[in-house]
C-alpha atoms as a PDB file:
ATOM      1  CA  UNK A   1     -59.338  56.741  68.395  1.00  0.00           C
ATOM      2  CA  UNK A   2     -57.605  54.766  65.789  1.00  0.00           C
ATOM      3  CA  UNK A   3     -61.266  54.854  63.929  1.00  0.00           C
ATOM      4  CA  UNK A   4     -61.445  58.578  64.213  1.00  0.00           C
ATOM      5  CA  UNK A   5     -57.736  58.649  63.023  1.00  0.00           C
ATOM      6  CA  UNK A   6     -58.383  56.509  59.808  1.00  0.00           C
ATOM      7  CA  UNK A   7     -61.551  58.683  59.400  1.00  0.00           C
ATOM      8  CA  UNK A   8     -60.029  61.922  59.345  1.00  0.00           C
ATOM      9  CA  UNK A   9     -56.868  60.810  57.279  1.00  0.00           C
ATOM     10  CA  UNK A  10     -59.330  59.258  54.649  1.00  0.00           C
ATOM     11  CA  UNK A  11     -61.186  62.645  54.035  1.00  0.00           C
ATOM     12  CA  UNK A  12     -57.814  64.539  53.900  1.00  0.00           C
ATOM     13  CA  UNK A  13     -56.866  61.892  51.415  1.00  0.00           C
ATOM     14  CA  UNK A  14     -59.692  61.982  49.345  1.00  0.00           C
ATOM     15  CA  UNK A  15     -60.257  65.583  49.406  1.00  0.00           C
ATOM     16  CA  UNK A  16     -56.452  65.935  47.950  1.00  0.00           C
ATOM     17  CA  UNK A  17     -57.302  63.539  44.964  1.00  0.00           C
ATOM     18  CA  UNK A  18     -58.290  65.209  41.801  1.00  0.00           C
ATOM     19  CA  UNK A  19     -61.247  63.218  40.009  1.00  0.00           C
ATOM     20  CA  UNK A  20     -59.926  63.377  36.213  1.00  0.00           C
ATOM     21  CA  UNK A  21     -62.172  62.300  33.539  1.00  0.00           C
ATOM     22  CA  UNK A  22     -60.273  60.528  30.571  1.00  0.00           C
ATOM     23  CA  UNK A  23     -61.823  59.357  27.363  1.00  0.00           C
ATOM     24  CA  UNK A  24     -60.445  57.051  24.705  1.00  0.00           C
ATOM     25  CA  UNK A  25     -58.044  58.749  22.454  1.00  0.00           C
ATOM     26  CA  UNK A  26     -57.062  61.585  24.783  1.00  0.00           C
ATOM     27  CA  UNK A  27     -53.502  62.809  25.026  1.00  0.00           C
ATOM     28  CA  UNK A  28     -51.864  62.218  28.231  1.00  0.00           C
ATOM     29  CA  UNK A  29     -48.687  62.183  30.597  1.00  0.00           C
ATOM     30  CA  UNK A  30     -47.660  59.556  32.574  1.00  0.00           C
ATOM     31  CA  UNK A  31     -46.242  59.984  36.149  1.00  0.00           C
ATOM     32  CA  UNK A  32     -42.701  58.266  36.758  1.00  0.00           C
ATOM     33  CA  UNK A  33     -42.771  57.835  40.255  1.00  0.00           C
ATOM     34  CA  UNK A  34     -39.664  55.494  40.144  1.00  0.00           C
ATOM     35  CA  UNK A  35     -37.650  58.162  38.963  1.00  0.00           C
ATOM     36  CA  UNK A  36     -34.536  58.954  41.010  1.00  0.00           C
ATOM     37  CA  UNK A  37     -34.589  62.090  42.556  1.00  0.00           C
ATOM     38  CA  UNK A  38     -30.900  62.694  42.305  1.00  0.00           C
ATOM     39  CA  UNK A  39     -30.281  61.901  38.966  1.00  0.00           C
ATOM     40  CA  UNK A  40     -31.191  65.061  37.636  1.00  0.00           C
ATOM     41  CA  UNK A  41     -33.281  67.247  40.204  1.00  0.00           C
ATOM     42  CA  UNK A  42     -34.621  69.364  37.574  1.00  0.00           C
ATOM     43  CA  UNK A  43     -35.831  66.328  35.175  1.00  0.00           C
ATOM     44  CA  UNK A  44     -39.394  66.233  34.635  1.00  0.00           C
ATOM     45  CA  UNK A  45     -41.082  63.332  36.483  1.00  0.00           C
ATOM     46  CA  UNK A  46     -43.998  63.263  33.362  1.00  0.00           C
ATOM     47  CA  UNK A  47     -43.207  61.442  30.263  1.00  0.00           C
ATOM     48  CA  UNK A  48     -45.364  60.968  27.359  1.00  0.00           C
ATOM     49  CA  UNK A  49     -47.229  62.258  25.322  1.00  0.00           C
ATOM     50  CA  UNK A  50     -49.383  59.050  25.455  1.00  0.00           C
ATOM     51  CA  UNK A  51     -53.037  58.124  23.531  1.00  0.00           C
ATOM     52  CA  UNK A  52     -55.526  56.291  25.672  1.00  0.00           C
ATOM     53  CA  UNK A  53     -56.705  53.121  23.537  1.00  0.00           C
ATOM     54  CA  UNK A  54     -58.722  51.522  25.913  1.00  0.00           C
ATOM     55  CA  UNK A  55     -60.695  52.504  29.446  1.00  0.00           C
ATOM     56  CA  UNK A  56     -61.021  49.869  31.836  1.00  0.00           C
ATOM     57  CA  UNK A  57     -62.940  49.474  35.402  1.00  0.00           C
ATOM     58  CA  UNK A  58     -61.756  50.905  38.458  1.00  0.00           C
ATOM     59  CA  UNK A  59     -59.650  53.759  36.867  1.00  0.00           C
ATOM     60  CA  UNK A  60     -57.425  51.749  34.629  1.00  0.00           C
ATOM     61  CA  UNK A  61     -56.435  52.740  31.213  1.00  0.00           C
ATOM     62  CA  UNK A  62     -54.598  51.252  28.365  1.00  0.00           C
ATOM     63  CA  UNK A  63     -51.830  53.878  26.536  1.00  0.00           C
ATOM     64  CA  UNK A  64     -50.297  53.664  23.384  1.00  0.00           C
ATOM     65  CA  UNK A  65     -46.977  55.102  22.370  1.00  0.00           C
ATOM     66  CA  UNK A  66     -46.325  56.325  19.088  1.00  0.00           C
ATOM     67  CA  UNK A  67     -43.441  53.787  19.465  1.00  0.00           C
ATOM     68  CA  UNK A  68     -45.901  50.915  19.348  1.00  0.00           C
ATOM     69  CA  UNK A  69     -45.566  50.535  23.318  1.00  0.00           C
ATOM     70  CA  UNK A  70     -48.923  49.196  24.805  1.00  0.00           C
ATOM     71  CA  UNK A  71     -49.046  48.876  28.418  1.00  0.00           C
ATOM     72  CA  UNK A  72     -51.759  49.348  31.174  1.00  0.00           C
ATOM     73  CA  UNK A  73     -51.781  51.898  34.461  1.00  0.00           C
ATOM     74  CA  UNK A  74     -54.238  53.659  36.752  1.00  0.00           C
ATOM     75  CA  UNK A  75     -55.431  56.903  36.148  1.00  0.00           C
ATOM     76  CA  UNK A  76     -54.218  58.190  39.184  1.00  0.00           C
ATOM     77  CA  UNK A  77     -50.737  58.070  37.321  1.00  0.00           C
ATOM     78  CA  UNK A  78     -52.237  60.283  34.236  1.00  0.00           C
ATOM     79  CA  UNK A  79     -52.802  64.117  33.447  1.00  0.00           C
ATOM     80  CA  UNK A  80     -54.169  65.827  30.203  1.00  0.00           C
ATOM     81  CA  UNK A  81     -51.870  66.566  28.095  1.00  0.00           C
ATOM     82  CA  UNK A  82     -52.542  70.118  26.214  1.00  0.00           C
ATOM     83  CA  UNK A  83     -49.847  70.165  23.560  1.00  0.00           C
ATOM     84  CA  UNK A  84     -46.558  71.749  22.825  1.00  0.00           C
ATOM     85  CA  UNK A  85     -43.983  71.939  24.994  1.00  0.00           C
ATOM     86  CA  UNK A  86     -43.415  75.334  27.145  1.00  0.00           C
ATOM     87  CA  UNK A  87     -41.277  77.821  25.125  1.00  0.00           C
ATOM     88  CA  UNK A  88     -38.018  78.221  26.385  1.00  0.00           C
ATOM     89  CA  UNK A  89     -36.600  81.169  28.438  1.00  0.00           C
ATOM     90  CA  UNK A  90     -34.813  83.546  26.424  1.00  0.00           C
ATOM     91  CA  UNK A  91     -31.829  84.982  28.400  1.00  0.00           C
ATOM     92  CA  UNK A  92     -31.571  88.485  27.284  1.00  0.00           C
ATOM     93  CA  UNK A  93     -27.909  89.467  25.869  1.00  0.00           C
ATOM     94  CA  UNK A  94     -26.527  91.198  28.961  1.00  0.00           C
ATOM     95  CA  UNK A  95     -23.138  93.311  28.229  1.00  0.00           C
ATOM     96  CA  UNK A  96     -20.647  93.489  30.676  1.00  0.00           C
ATOM     97  CA  UNK A  97     -19.169  96.923  31.512  1.00  0.00           C
ATOM     98  CA  UNK A  98     -15.163  97.683  32.962  1.00  0.00           C
ATOM     99  CA  UNK A  99     -14.885  97.780  36.463  1.00  0.00           C
ATOM    100  CA  UNK A 100     -14.743 101.539  37.533  1.00  0.00           C
ATOM    101  CA  UNK A 101     -11.553 102.510  39.724  1.00  0.00           C
END
């Protein structure tokens, strides 16, 4: 029974993992899993963009930040960066009307 359970959970886990292909000089965002949820609930957990300097075996990449920080991370924590921040939502100018008596 435990072997069947392990096989099923592995299949479910593997089905949810997206196989992303990264190349050298790609722009990527890094997922920050250690960010405290309650420090800012609406704060993005993705930081970057970073540039991939090298690709190592076992889905590991060396990232370079424009500041000069270099470090290695697992590629499961990365996603492609497509450029630019999303446009800010503009709130239309709402006029208030006097209360009817």
